[in-house]
């Protein structure tokens, strides 16, 4: 449920394991700037920017699933080589099962059946993904 009626909610998904925290946060912050004020950004590093704050990893999964429940669209980063996409794929699957729009950018796992099936569009860059979301929601 969207408690921000004037804003669309975007959940940002992408690999975390094997990605330096600063790099994982940087693309998410960039997405927020590209999307602008018409969107509320939800993402897994929220409140965990400097270090892990959940005493149990299951709490992170619970919050991510709740964020996806609230989201209008999910933007997924597939541009980081040599990373695990297991958690990201689970977020995509969950979002897809709720009929959320899932937009994937990047081509690192271009031939992954699960990522391709559970996305509605694949574009090359974050900029393209954000432009597409803005066009979809006329913001």
N, C-alpha and C. Protein backbone atom coordinates (compact mmCIF):
# COMPACT_ATOMS: atom_id res chain seq x y z
N UNK A 1 0.84 -1.17 0.00
CA UNK A 1 0.00 0.00 0.00
C UNK A 1 0.89 1.24 0.00
N UNK A 2 0.58 2.17 -0.90
CA UNK A 2 1.35 3.39 -1.05
C UNK A 2 0.80 4.48 -0.15
N UNK A 3 1.55 4.85 0.88
CA UNK A 3 1.15 5.93 1.78
C UNK A 3 1.58 7.29 1.27
N UNK A 4 2.14 7.33 0.05
CA UNK A 4 2.59 8.56 -0.57
C UNK A 4 1.83 8.71 -1.89
N UNK A 5 0.57 9.18 -1.86
CA UNK A 5 -0.28 9.17 -3.03
C UNK A 5 0.25 9.99 -4.20
N UNK A 6 1.12 10.95 -3.95
CA UNK A 6 1.66 11.77 -5.03
C UNK A 6 2.95 11.21 -5.60
N UNK A 7 3.38 10.07 -5.09
CA UNK A 7 4.64 9.49 -5.55
C UNK A 7 4.44 8.02 -5.90
N UNK A 8 5.14 7.60 -6.94
CA UNK A 8 5.22 6.17 -7.25
C UNK A 8 6.38 5.60 -6.45
N UNK A 9 6.26 4.35 -6.05
CA UNK A 9 7.29 3.71 -5.24
C UNK A 9 8.11 2.77 -6.11
N UNK A 10 9.43 2.93 -6.01
CA UNK A 10 10.37 2.11 -6.78
C UNK A 10 11.26 1.36 -5.80
N UNK A 11 11.33 0.05 -5.96
CA UNK A 11 12.26 -0.75 -5.18
C UNK A 11 13.46 -1.03 -6.06
N UNK A 12 14.66 -0.77 -5.54
CA UNK A 12 15.90 -0.99 -6.28
C UNK A 12 16.55 -2.28 -5.80
N UNK A 13 16.77 -3.18 -6.74
CA UNK A 13 17.28 -4.51 -6.45
C UNK A 13 18.59 -4.73 -7.19
N UNK A 14 19.49 -5.44 -6.57
CA UNK A 14 20.75 -5.76 -7.24
C UNK A 14 21.67 -6.50 -6.29
N UNK A 15 22.76 -7.01 -6.83
CA UNK A 15 23.66 -7.81 -6.00
C UNK A 15 24.28 -6.98 -4.88
N UNK A 16 24.46 -7.63 -3.73
CA UNK A 16 25.11 -6.99 -2.58
C UNK A 16 26.34 -7.78 -2.16
N UNK A 17 26.22 -9.10 -2.15
CA UNK A 17 27.35 -9.93 -1.75
C UNK A 17 28.45 -9.81 -2.81
N UNK A 18 29.65 -9.46 -2.36
CA UNK A 18 30.76 -9.31 -3.30
C UNK A 18 30.87 -7.92 -3.90
N UNK A 19 29.95 -7.03 -3.52
CA UNK A 19 29.96 -5.66 -4.03
C UNK A 19 30.32 -4.74 -2.86
N UNK A 20 31.34 -3.89 -3.03
CA UNK A 20 31.65 -2.95 -1.95
C UNK A 20 30.41 -2.12 -1.61
N UNK A 21 30.17 -1.93 -0.33
CA UNK A 21 28.98 -1.20 0.13
C UNK A 21 28.85 0.16 -0.56
N UNK A 22 29.96 0.88 -0.69
CA UNK A 22 29.90 2.21 -1.33
C UNK A 22 29.43 2.11 -2.77
N UNK A 23 29.84 1.07 -3.48
CA UNK A 23 29.41 0.87 -4.87
C UNK A 23 27.93 0.49 -4.94
N UNK A 24 27.49 -0.37 -4.04
CA UNK A 24 26.09 -0.78 -4.01
C UNK A 24 25.17 0.39 -3.68
N UNK A 25 25.62 1.25 -2.82
CA UNK A 25 24.82 2.43 -2.45
C UNK A 25 24.85 3.46 -3.56
N UNK A 26 26.01 3.63 -4.22
CA UNK A 26 26.18 4.69 -5.23
C UNK A 26 25.17 4.58 -6.37
N UNK A 27 24.98 3.38 -6.94
CA UNK A 27 24.05 3.30 -8.07
C UNK A 27 22.62 3.53 -7.60
N UNK A 28 22.31 3.15 -6.38
CA UNK A 28 20.97 3.37 -5.85
C UNK A 28 20.70 4.86 -5.63
N UNK A 29 21.71 5.57 -5.13
CA UNK A 29 21.56 7.02 -4.97
C UNK A 29 21.42 7.70 -6.33
N UNK A 30 22.19 7.23 -7.29
CA UNK A 30 22.10 7.78 -8.65
C UNK A 30 20.71 7.55 -9.24
N UNK A 31 20.15 6.38 -9.01
CA UNK A 31 18.79 6.09 -9.50
C UNK A 31 17.80 7.08 -8.91
N UNK A 32 17.93 7.35 -7.62
CA UNK A 32 17.03 8.31 -6.97
C UNK A 32 17.12 9.69 -7.61
N UNK A 33 18.33 10.12 -7.93
CA UNK A 33 18.51 11.42 -8.58
C UNK A 33 17.94 11.42 -9.99
N UNK A 34 18.15 10.34 -10.71
CA UNK A 34 17.63 10.24 -12.08
C UNK A 34 16.10 10.22 -12.10
N UNK A 35 15.50 9.55 -11.14
CA UNK A 35 14.04 9.47 -11.10
C UNK A 35 13.42 10.77 -10.61
N UNK A 36 14.03 11.40 -9.65
CA UNK A 36 13.56 12.69 -9.17
C UNK A 36 12.46 12.60 -8.13
N UNK A 37 11.83 13.74 -7.87
CA UNK A 37 10.89 13.89 -6.76
C UNK A 37 9.57 13.15 -6.92
N UNK A 38 9.24 12.68 -8.10
CA UNK A 38 7.97 11.99 -8.29
C UNK A 38 7.98 10.56 -7.78
N UNK A 39 9.10 10.13 -7.25
CA UNK A 39 9.25 8.74 -6.83
C UNK A 39 9.80 8.64 -5.42
N UNK A 40 9.31 7.66 -4.70
CA UNK A 40 9.87 7.29 -3.40
C UNK A 40 10.73 6.05 -3.65
N UNK A 41 11.98 6.11 -3.23
CA UNK A 41 12.91 5.01 -3.46
C UNK A 41 13.02 4.16 -2.20
N UNK A 42 12.85 2.86 -2.38
CA UNK A 42 13.08 1.88 -1.31
C UNK A 42 14.22 0.99 -1.77
N UNK A 43 15.13 0.70 -0.86
CA UNK A 43 16.27 -0.14 -1.23
C UNK A 43 16.86 -0.80 0.00
N UNK A 44 17.55 -1.90 -0.22
CA UNK A 44 18.00 -2.77 0.86
C UNK A 44 19.03 -2.14 1.79
N UNK A 45 19.78 -1.16 1.33
CA UNK A 45 20.78 -0.52 2.20
C UNK A 45 20.18 0.53 3.12
N UNK A 46 18.91 0.81 2.99
CA UNK A 46 18.25 1.85 3.79
C UNK A 46 18.46 1.56 5.28
N UNK A 47 19.10 2.50 5.97
CA UNK A 47 19.39 2.31 7.39
C UNK A 47 20.58 1.42 7.67
N UNK A 48 21.20 0.93 6.60
CA UNK A 48 22.35 0.02 6.74
C UNK A 48 23.51 0.54 5.89
N UNK A 49 23.55 1.85 5.68
CA UNK A 49 24.53 2.44 4.78
C UNK A 49 25.97 2.18 5.19
N UNK A 50 26.23 2.23 6.49
CA UNK A 50 27.60 2.08 6.95
C UNK A 50 27.96 0.67 7.39
N UNK A 51 26.98 -0.04 7.93
CA UNK A 51 27.24 -1.41 8.37
C UNK A 51 25.91 -2.15 8.51
N UNK A 52 26.00 -3.45 8.63
CA UNK A 52 24.81 -4.27 8.83
C UNK A 52 24.22 -3.94 10.19
N UNK A 53 22.92 -3.70 10.21
CA UNK A 53 22.27 -3.36 11.48
C UNK A 53 21.22 -4.40 11.90
N UNK A 54 20.90 -5.33 11.04
CA UNK A 54 19.96 -6.38 11.42
C UNK A 54 20.69 -7.49 12.16
N UNK A 55 20.21 -7.90 13.34
CA UNK A 55 20.88 -8.97 14.08
C UNK A 55 20.67 -10.34 13.43
N UNK A 56 19.70 -10.44 12.55
CA UNK A 56 19.39 -11.70 11.87
C UNK A 56 19.05 -11.38 10.42
N UNK A 57 19.69 -12.06 9.48
CA UNK A 57 19.51 -11.76 8.06
C UNK A 57 18.06 -11.95 7.59
N UNK A 58 17.31 -12.77 8.30
CA UNK A 58 15.90 -12.96 7.91
C UNK A 58 15.11 -11.67 8.01
N UNK A 59 15.52 -10.78 8.91
CA UNK A 59 14.83 -9.49 9.04
C UNK A 59 15.02 -8.64 7.79
N UNK A 60 16.19 -8.72 7.18
CA UNK A 60 16.43 -7.99 5.93
C UNK A 60 15.50 -8.51 4.83
N UNK A 61 15.34 -9.80 4.75
CA UNK A 61 14.47 -10.40 3.74
C UNK A 61 13.02 -9.98 3.98
N UNK A 62 12.59 -10.00 5.22
CA UNK A 62 11.23 -9.58 5.55
C UNK A 62 11.00 -8.15 5.10
N UNK A 63 11.93 -7.26 5.42
CA UNK A 63 11.75 -5.86 5.02
C UNK A 63 11.76 -5.71 3.51
N UNK A 64 12.66 -6.41 2.81
CA UNK A 64 12.70 -6.32 1.35
C UNK A 64 11.38 -6.79 0.74
N UNK A 65 10.82 -7.87 1.26
CA UNK A 65 9.54 -8.35 0.74
C UNK A 65 8.42 -7.35 1.02
N UNK A 66 8.44 -6.73 2.19
CA UNK A 66 7.44 -5.70 2.49
C UNK A 66 7.60 -4.50 1.56
N UNK A 67 8.84 -4.13 1.27
CA UNK A 67 9.09 -3.03 0.35
C UNK A 67 8.59 -3.36 -1.05
N UNK A 68 8.81 -4.57 -1.50
CA UNK A 68 8.32 -4.99 -2.82
C UNK A 68 6.80 -4.99 -2.84
N UNK A 69 6.18 -5.41 -1.75
CA UNK A 69 4.71 -5.36 -1.66
C UNK A 69 4.21 -3.94 -1.92
N UNK A 70 4.90 -2.95 -1.39
CA UNK A 70 4.48 -1.55 -1.50
C UNK A 70 4.82 -0.94 -2.85
N UNK A 71 5.81 -1.49 -3.54
CA UNK A 71 6.36 -0.87 -4.75
C UNK A 71 5.41 -0.96 -5.94
N UNK A 72 5.53 0.05 -6.81
CA UNK A 72 4.84 0.04 -8.10
C UNK A 72 5.71 -0.62 -9.16
N UNK A 73 7.00 -0.50 -9.00
CA UNK A 73 7.96 -1.01 -9.99
C UNK A 73 9.26 -1.38 -9.29
N UNK A 74 9.96 -2.36 -9.86
CA UNK A 74 11.26 -2.79 -9.35
C UNK A 74 12.28 -2.59 -10.46
N UNK A 75 13.35 -1.88 -10.14
CA UNK A 75 14.48 -1.73 -11.06
C UNK A 75 15.60 -2.62 -10.56
N UNK A 76 16.12 -3.47 -11.45
CA UNK A 76 17.12 -4.47 -11.08
C UNK A 76 18.44 -4.20 -11.79
N UNK A 77 19.53 -4.20 -11.03
CA UNK A 77 20.86 -3.98 -11.57
C UNK A 77 21.50 -5.32 -11.94
N UNK A 78 21.76 -5.51 -13.24
CA UNK A 78 22.49 -6.68 -13.72
C UNK A 78 23.74 -6.20 -14.46
N UNK A 79 24.45 -5.26 -13.86
CA UNK A 79 25.63 -4.70 -14.52
C UNK A 79 26.92 -4.94 -13.75
N UNK A 80 26.86 -5.74 -12.68
CA UNK A 80 28.05 -5.96 -11.85
C UNK A 80 28.56 -7.38 -12.07
N UNK A 81 29.71 -7.52 -12.73
CA UNK A 81 30.24 -8.87 -12.99
C UNK A 81 30.73 -9.56 -11.73
N UNK A 82 30.81 -10.88 -11.82
CA UNK A 82 31.36 -11.72 -10.75
C UNK A 82 30.64 -11.57 -9.42
N UNK A 83 29.32 -11.46 -9.47
CA UNK A 83 28.52 -11.37 -8.25
C UNK A 83 27.41 -12.39 -8.29
N UNK A 84 26.94 -12.71 -7.11
CA UNK A 84 25.81 -13.62 -6.98
C UNK A 84 24.51 -12.85 -7.18
N UNK A 85 23.61 -13.42 -7.95
CA UNK A 85 22.31 -12.81 -8.18
C UNK A 85 21.20 -13.61 -7.49
N UNK A 86 21.56 -14.47 -6.55
CA UNK A 86 20.56 -15.34 -5.93
C UNK A 86 19.49 -14.52 -5.21
N UNK A 87 19.89 -13.63 -4.32
CA UNK A 87 18.91 -12.81 -3.61
C UNK A 87 18.15 -11.90 -4.56
N UNK A 88 18.85 -11.35 -5.53
CA UNK A 88 18.22 -10.47 -6.52
C UNK A 88 17.18 -11.25 -7.32
N UNK A 89 17.53 -12.46 -7.73
CA UNK A 89 16.58 -13.29 -8.48
C UNK A 89 15.34 -13.60 -7.64
N UNK A 90 15.54 -13.82 -6.34
CA UNK A 90 14.40 -14.07 -5.46
C UNK A 90 13.51 -12.84 -5.37
N UNK A 91 14.11 -11.65 -5.28
CA UNK A 91 13.32 -10.42 -5.25
C UNK A 91 12.54 -10.24 -6.55
N UNK A 92 13.19 -10.55 -7.67
CA UNK A 92 12.51 -10.45 -8.96
C UNK A 92 11.33 -11.43 -9.04
N UNK A 93 11.58 -12.66 -8.62
CA UNK A 93 10.52 -13.67 -8.63
C UNK A 93 9.34 -13.22 -7.78
N UNK A 94 9.64 -12.72 -6.59
CA UNK A 94 8.59 -12.27 -5.69
C UNK A 94 7.80 -11.12 -6.31
N UNK A 95 8.51 -10.14 -6.85
CA UNK A 95 7.85 -8.99 -7.48
C UNK A 95 6.99 -9.44 -8.66
N UNK A 96 7.53 -10.30 -9.48
CA UNK A 96 6.80 -10.80 -10.65
C UNK A 96 5.54 -11.54 -10.22
N UNK A 97 5.64 -12.32 -9.15
CA UNK A 97 4.48 -13.08 -8.67
C UNK A 97 3.37 -12.16 -8.16
N UNK A 98 3.74 -10.93 -7.80
CA UNK A 98 2.76 -9.93 -7.34
C UNK A 98 2.31 -9.01 -8.47
N UNK A 99 2.72 -9.34 -9.69
CA UNK A 99 2.39 -8.53 -10.87
C UNK A 99 2.97 -7.13 -10.80
N UNK A 100 4.14 -7.00 -10.17
CA UNK A 100 4.85 -5.73 -10.16
C UNK A 100 5.65 -5.61 -11.45
N UNK A 101 5.81 -4.41 -11.95
CA UNK A 101 6.64 -4.19 -13.13
C UNK A 101 8.10 -4.38 -12.71
N UNK A 102 8.84 -5.18 -13.47
CA UNK A 102 10.24 -5.45 -13.17
C UNK A 102 11.07 -5.05 -14.40
N UNK A 103 11.95 -4.07 -14.21
CA UNK A 103 12.81 -3.60 -15.29
C UNK A 103 14.25 -3.89 -14.91
N UNK A 104 14.92 -4.59 -15.78
CA UNK A 104 16.29 -5.05 -15.56
C UNK A 104 17.22 -4.20 -16.42
N UNK A 105 18.33 -3.74 -15.84
CA UNK A 105 19.33 -3.05 -16.68
C UNK A 105 20.67 -3.75 -16.55
N UNK A 106 21.41 -3.74 -17.65
CA UNK A 106 22.70 -4.42 -17.70
C UNK A 106 22.57 -5.74 -18.43
N UNK A 107 23.73 -6.37 -18.66
CA UNK A 107 23.71 -7.61 -19.45
C UNK A 107 24.71 -8.66 -18.95
N UNK A 108 25.07 -8.59 -17.68
CA UNK A 108 26.04 -9.53 -17.14
C UNK A 108 25.50 -10.96 -17.17
N UNK A 109 24.24 -11.12 -16.85
CA UNK A 109 23.61 -12.45 -16.85
C UNK A 109 22.56 -12.51 -17.97
N UNK A 110 22.96 -12.11 -19.14
CA UNK A 110 22.05 -11.95 -20.27
C UNK A 110 21.30 -13.24 -20.62
N UNK A 111 21.91 -14.38 -20.40
CA UNK A 111 21.29 -15.65 -20.79
C UNK A 111 20.66 -16.40 -19.62
N UNK A 112 20.50 -15.74 -18.48
CA UNK A 112 19.90 -16.39 -17.32
C UNK A 112 18.40 -16.51 -17.53
N UNK A 113 17.90 -17.72 -17.62
CA UNK A 113 16.48 -17.95 -17.88
C UNK A 113 15.59 -17.30 -16.84
N UNK A 114 15.94 -17.43 -15.57
CA UNK A 114 15.10 -16.93 -14.49
C UNK A 114 15.04 -15.42 -14.47
N UNK A 115 16.19 -14.77 -14.64
CA UNK A 115 16.19 -13.30 -14.67
C UNK A 115 15.39 -12.79 -15.86
N UNK A 116 15.57 -13.41 -17.01
CA UNK A 116 14.85 -12.96 -18.20
C UNK A 116 13.34 -13.19 -18.08
N UNK A 117 12.96 -14.33 -17.59
CA UNK A 117 11.54 -14.65 -17.48
C UNK A 117 10.83 -13.70 -16.51
N UNK A 118 11.48 -13.36 -15.40
CA UNK A 118 10.82 -12.59 -14.36
C UNK A 118 11.02 -11.08 -14.49
N UNK A 119 11.53 -10.65 -15.65
CA UNK A 119 11.60 -9.21 -15.93
C UNK A 119 10.65 -8.91 -17.07
N UNK A 120 10.13 -7.69 -17.07
CA UNK A 120 9.22 -7.27 -18.14
C UNK A 120 9.95 -6.52 -19.24
N UNK A 121 11.13 -6.01 -18.92
CA UNK A 121 11.94 -5.32 -19.91
C UNK A 121 13.39 -5.37 -19.45
N UNK A 122 14.29 -5.40 -20.43
CA UNK A 122 15.72 -5.32 -20.15
C UNK A 122 16.27 -4.19 -21.00
N UNK A 123 16.97 -3.27 -20.35
CA UNK A 123 17.61 -2.16 -21.04
C UNK A 123 19.09 -2.17 -20.69
N UNK A 124 19.88 -1.36 -21.39
CA UNK A 124 21.33 -1.41 -21.23
C UNK A 124 21.83 -0.71 -19.97
N UNK A 125 21.21 0.42 -19.62
CA UNK A 125 21.79 1.26 -18.56
C UNK A 125 20.75 1.66 -17.51
N UNK A 126 21.25 2.11 -16.39
CA UNK A 126 20.39 2.65 -15.34
C UNK A 126 19.63 3.86 -15.86
N UNK A 127 20.29 4.70 -16.63
CA UNK A 127 19.63 5.87 -17.19
C UNK A 127 18.42 5.47 -18.03
N UNK A 128 18.59 4.45 -18.87
CA UNK A 128 17.48 3.98 -19.69
C UNK A 128 16.35 3.40 -18.83
N UNK A 129 16.71 2.67 -17.79
CA UNK A 129 15.69 2.10 -16.90
C UNK A 129 14.88 3.21 -16.24
N UNK A 130 15.56 4.24 -15.76
CA UNK A 130 14.86 5.35 -15.10
C UNK A 130 13.99 6.13 -16.08
N UNK A 131 14.48 6.34 -17.29
CA UNK A 131 13.67 7.01 -18.32
C UNK A 131 12.41 6.20 -18.63
N UNK A 132 12.56 4.89 -18.71
CA UNK A 132 11.42 4.03 -18.98
C UNK A 132 10.39 4.10 -17.86
N UNK A 133 10.85 4.07 -16.62
CA UNK A 133 9.94 4.17 -15.47
C UNK A 133 9.22 5.52 -15.50
N UNK A 134 9.94 6.58 -15.75
CA UNK A 134 9.33 7.90 -15.81
C UNK A 134 8.30 7.99 -16.95
N UNK A 135 8.61 7.39 -18.07
CA UNK A 135 7.67 7.37 -19.19
C UNK A 135 6.43 6.55 -18.85
N UNK A 136 6.62 5.42 -18.17
CA UNK A 136 5.48 4.58 -17.79
C UNK A 136 4.52 5.30 -16.87
N UNK A 137 5.07 6.10 -15.95
CA UNK A 137 4.24 6.76 -14.95
C UNK A 137 4.05 8.25 -15.24
N UNK A 138 4.47 8.68 -16.43
CA UNK A 138 4.26 10.06 -16.89
C UNK A 138 4.73 11.08 -15.87
N UNK A 139 5.91 10.88 -15.35
CA UNK A 139 6.48 11.83 -14.37
C UNK A 139 7.58 12.61 -15.05
